[in-house]
Protein backbone atom coordinates (compact mmCIF):
# COMPACT_ATOMS: atom_id res chain seq x y z
CA MET A 1 -164.95 45.61 -87.79
CA ASN A 2 -166.52 43.33 -90.37
CA LEU A 3 -164.76 42.77 -93.72
CA LEU A 4 -166.53 41.38 -96.79
CA TRP A 5 -164.60 40.17 -99.83
CA LEU A 6 -166.63 40.23 -103.05
CA LYS A 7 -165.02 37.85 -105.55
CA ALA A 8 -165.94 38.72 -109.14
CA SER A 9 -163.72 36.33 -111.10
CA PRO A 10 -164.53 32.71 -112.00
CA ARG A 11 -160.87 31.86 -112.72
CA THR A 12 -160.10 30.91 -109.06
CA GLU A 13 -156.34 30.38 -108.57
CA ARG A 14 -155.51 31.63 -112.09
CA SER A 15 -157.05 35.04 -111.38
CA HIS A 16 -154.62 37.88 -110.70
CA SER A 17 -157.28 39.99 -108.98
CA THR A 18 -158.29 37.07 -106.77
CA ALA A 19 -154.69 36.33 -105.80
CA VAL A 20 -154.03 39.92 -104.73
CA ALA A 21 -157.32 40.21 -102.82
CA ALA A 22 -156.61 36.86 -101.12
CA ALA A 23 -153.19 38.13 -99.98
CA PHE A 24 -154.82 41.28 -98.66
CA THR A 25 -157.56 39.50 -96.70
CA GLU A 26 -155.08 36.98 -95.26
CA ALA A 27 -152.79 39.78 -94.07
CA TYR A 28 -155.80 41.75 -92.81
CA ALA A 29 -157.02 38.82 -90.73
CA LYS A 30 -153.59 38.46 -89.14
CA ALA A 31 -153.27 42.18 -88.43
CA HIS A 32 -156.85 42.46 -87.11
CA PRO A 33 -157.57 39.16 -85.34
CA ASP A 34 -160.73 40.47 -83.67
CA ASP A 35 -162.36 41.43 -86.96
CA GLU A 36 -164.64 39.05 -88.87
CA VAL A 37 -163.82 38.29 -92.49
CA ARG A 38 -166.33 36.79 -94.91
CA GLU A 39 -166.23 35.95 -98.61
CA TRP A 40 -168.98 36.24 -101.21
CA ASP A 41 -168.17 34.49 -104.49
CA LEU A 42 -170.43 36.09 -107.05
CA PHE A 43 -169.86 33.31 -109.58
CA THR A 44 -170.60 30.31 -107.38
CA GLU A 45 -173.39 31.70 -105.20
CA GLU A 46 -176.82 32.45 -106.59
CA LEU A 47 -177.96 36.05 -106.77
CA PRO A 48 -181.63 37.03 -106.73
CA THR A 49 -183.13 37.20 -110.20
CA PHE A 50 -183.93 40.84 -110.77
CA ASP A 51 -186.88 40.86 -113.11
CA GLY A 52 -190.64 40.46 -112.99
CA LEU A 53 -191.96 40.89 -109.48
CA ALA A 54 -188.63 42.03 -107.99
CA LEU A 55 -188.32 44.80 -110.56
CA GLN A 56 -191.94 45.78 -110.05
CA ALA A 57 -191.32 45.90 -106.30
CA LYS A 58 -188.55 48.45 -106.88
CA TYR A 59 -190.87 50.69 -108.89
CA THR A 60 -193.54 50.31 -106.24
CA ILE A 61 -191.05 51.83 -103.79
CA LEU A 62 -190.07 54.59 -106.23
CA HIS A 63 -193.73 55.56 -106.66
CA GLY A 64 -194.40 55.50 -102.91
CA MET A 65 -196.94 52.69 -103.13
CA GLU A 66 -197.55 49.59 -101.04
CA HIS A 67 -196.17 46.24 -102.16
CA THR A 68 -198.52 43.47 -103.08
CA ALA A 69 -198.03 40.17 -101.25
CA GLU A 70 -196.35 38.71 -104.36
CA GLU A 71 -194.00 41.66 -104.73
CA LEU A 72 -193.12 41.55 -101.06
CA GLU A 73 -192.19 37.88 -101.28
CA ALA A 74 -189.90 38.52 -104.26
CA TRP A 75 -188.38 41.55 -102.54
CA LYS A 76 -187.24 39.51 -99.52
CA ALA A 77 -184.33 38.04 -101.50
CA VAL A 78 -183.23 41.54 -102.52
CA GLU A 79 -183.37 42.73 -98.92
CA ALA A 80 -181.33 39.72 -97.79
CA ALA A 81 -178.59 40.53 -100.32
CA ILE A 82 -178.53 44.17 -99.25
CA GLU A 83 -178.31 43.19 -95.60
CA ARG A 84 -175.43 40.84 -96.35
CA PHE A 85 -173.60 43.68 -98.10
CA THR A 86 -174.27 46.43 -95.55
CA TRP A 87 -173.11 44.11 -92.74
CA ALA A 88 -169.56 45.02 -93.75
CA ASP A 89 -167.54 47.95 -92.46
CA ARG A 90 -164.71 47.13 -94.87
CA ILE A 91 -165.27 45.88 -98.41
CA VAL A 92 -162.81 44.26 -100.80
CA LEU A 93 -163.65 43.72 -104.46
CA SER A 94 -161.53 41.62 -106.83
CA VAL A 95 -162.48 42.64 -110.34
CA PRO A 96 -161.07 41.46 -113.68
CA MET A 97 -161.65 43.57 -116.77
CA TRP A 98 -164.09 42.03 -119.25
CA ASN A 99 -164.55 43.85 -122.55
CA PHE A 100 -163.21 47.03 -120.95
CA GLY A 101 -165.80 46.85 -118.15
CA ILE A 102 -166.74 44.60 -115.25
CA PRO A 103 -167.93 40.95 -115.26
CA TYR A 104 -171.65 40.53 -115.73
CA ARG A 105 -172.06 38.86 -112.33
CA LEU A 106 -170.71 41.95 -110.57
CA LYS A 107 -173.07 44.13 -112.61
CA HIS A 108 -175.90 41.79 -111.59
CA PHE A 109 -174.84 42.19 -107.96
CA PHE A 110 -174.90 45.97 -108.17
CA ASP A 111 -178.30 45.88 -109.89
CA VAL A 112 -179.64 43.91 -106.92
CA ILE A 113 -178.20 45.96 -104.05
CA VAL A 114 -178.45 49.52 -105.38
CA GLN A 115 -182.00 50.21 -104.23
CA PRO A 116 -183.94 53.30 -103.12
CA GLY A 117 -184.37 53.60 -99.39
CA TYR A 118 -181.72 50.97 -98.73
CA THR A 119 -178.43 52.05 -100.28
CA PHE A 120 -179.42 55.47 -101.63
CA SER A 121 -182.18 58.04 -101.29
CA TYR A 122 -183.49 60.86 -103.46
CA THR A 123 -185.29 64.12 -102.84
CA PRO A 124 -185.89 66.99 -105.30
CA GLU A 125 -184.15 69.33 -102.87
CA GLU A 126 -181.01 67.28 -102.22
CA GLY A 127 -180.87 64.94 -105.17
CA TYR A 128 -179.25 61.55 -104.63
CA THR A 129 -177.74 60.67 -101.26
CA GLY A 130 -175.75 57.53 -100.51
CA LEU A 131 -176.93 55.65 -97.42
CA VAL A 132 -174.02 53.19 -97.05
CA THR A 133 -171.68 55.57 -95.27
CA GLY A 134 -168.78 55.13 -92.87
CA ARG A 135 -167.25 52.30 -94.88
CA LYS A 136 -163.90 51.82 -96.57
CA ALA A 137 -163.31 49.77 -99.69
CA LEU A 138 -160.41 48.28 -101.58
CA ALA A 139 -160.86 47.55 -105.27
CA VAL A 140 -158.34 45.12 -106.79
CA TYR A 141 -158.35 45.27 -110.57
CA ALA A 142 -156.69 43.14 -113.24
CA SER A 143 -156.59 43.85 -116.95
CA GLY A 144 -154.84 42.33 -119.95
CA GLY A 145 -153.75 45.75 -121.20
CA ALA A 146 -152.52 48.90 -119.50
CA TYR A 147 -155.05 51.71 -119.29
CA GLY A 148 -153.64 53.97 -116.62
CA GLU A 149 -152.76 57.65 -116.87
CA GLY A 150 -150.25 58.35 -119.60
CA THR A 151 -150.91 55.18 -121.58
CA GLY A 152 -153.07 56.87 -124.20
CA ALA A 153 -155.68 54.16 -123.67
CA GLU A 154 -157.45 55.67 -120.68
CA ALA A 155 -160.80 55.94 -122.49
CA TYR A 156 -160.99 52.17 -122.84
CA ASP A 157 -161.12 51.69 -119.07
CA GLN A 158 -164.78 51.43 -118.10
CA GLN A 159 -163.87 49.14 -115.19
CA LYS A 160 -162.45 51.43 -112.50
CA PRO A 161 -164.65 54.48 -113.24
CA TYR A 162 -167.85 52.44 -113.01
CA VAL A 163 -166.93 50.74 -109.74
CA ASN A 164 -165.90 54.07 -108.21
CA LEU A 165 -169.12 55.67 -109.45
CA ILE A 166 -171.44 53.00 -108.10
CA LEU A 167 -169.67 52.75 -104.74
CA GLY A 168 -169.72 56.53 -104.38
CA PHE A 169 -173.39 56.61 -105.33
CA MET A 170 -174.09 54.35 -102.34
CA GLY A 171 -171.98 56.57 -100.06
CA ILE A 172 -168.67 54.66 -100.13
CA THR A 173 -166.16 57.30 -101.16
CA ASP A 174 -163.06 56.10 -99.28
CA VAL A 175 -161.84 53.63 -101.93
CA ALA A 176 -158.27 52.38 -102.26
CA THR A 177 -157.14 50.85 -105.54
CA LEU A 178 -154.64 48.17 -106.53
CA ALA A 179 -154.18 47.32 -110.20
CA VAL A 180 -152.46 44.36 -111.84
CA GLU A 181 -151.74 45.40 -115.41
CA PRO A 182 -150.87 44.45 -118.08
CA THR A 183 -151.45 40.73 -117.58
CA LEU A 184 -151.37 39.83 -121.30
CA MET A 185 -149.99 42.53 -123.56
CA GLY A 186 -146.58 42.72 -121.91
CA GLY A 187 -146.00 38.98 -121.80
CA PRO A 188 -145.61 36.58 -118.84
CA GLU A 189 -142.69 38.41 -117.23
CA ALA A 190 -144.49 41.75 -117.16
CA ALA A 191 -147.61 40.08 -115.78
CA GLN A 192 -145.66 38.36 -113.01
CA ALA A 193 -143.88 41.59 -112.10
CA ALA A 194 -147.18 43.49 -111.91
CA ARG A 195 -148.69 40.73 -109.79
CA GLU A 196 -145.77 40.61 -107.36
CA ALA A 197 -145.81 44.40 -106.96
CA ALA A 198 -149.54 44.37 -106.23
CA LEU A 199 -149.18 41.49 -103.76
CA ALA A 200 -146.56 43.43 -101.79
CA LYS A 201 -148.72 46.56 -101.74
CA ALA A 202 -151.77 44.53 -100.68
CA ARG A 203 -150.00 43.03 -97.68
CA GLU A 204 -148.69 46.41 -96.63
CA LEU A 205 -152.07 48.10 -97.00
CA ALA A 206 -153.83 45.37 -94.99
CA GLU A 207 -152.04 46.32 -91.79
CA ARG A 208 -153.41 49.87 -91.76
CA PHE A 209 -156.70 49.40 -93.60
């Protein structure tokens, strides 16, 4: 198996989501020594700019037309990013909550890789079909507040629903979740307790993931 860790926080060692995902991938590597593990830091590595010719190339595909030479050149970077993503059989995402949603670099990443004919298809008869099937994912979330079931603040959480939606749209429906919350509202002790609980669950999950 190939495992890809998508890091969507720029806070490095201060990030709760990064710490839990790091514990998971370390335990996974030990439990599955024959598997290959790679990291993709979305804040330190450049992503293809998705405008101009790249965007036009997408609509050329949608309209069933042939790319121009300029469009094709711009599209190569998009294809390379998609290939790097679909290489993985197992996907880990570490995602902090920003303004109730996901960091802009993760949204940028999804805008690049969610492409017709590559990660999804569409027909009038069948509608949308995800093409990235047979994968499993783990999404590690961190949020300053608590937005889980029973909190009364569920509607504010646009982080988990969006990630689940976009992964499912591409065909990845087997998604495990670990959440570190609250990291701010409950004070340092509550944050540390939530982090330690998630770390323990991450290490346990890694052995059977």
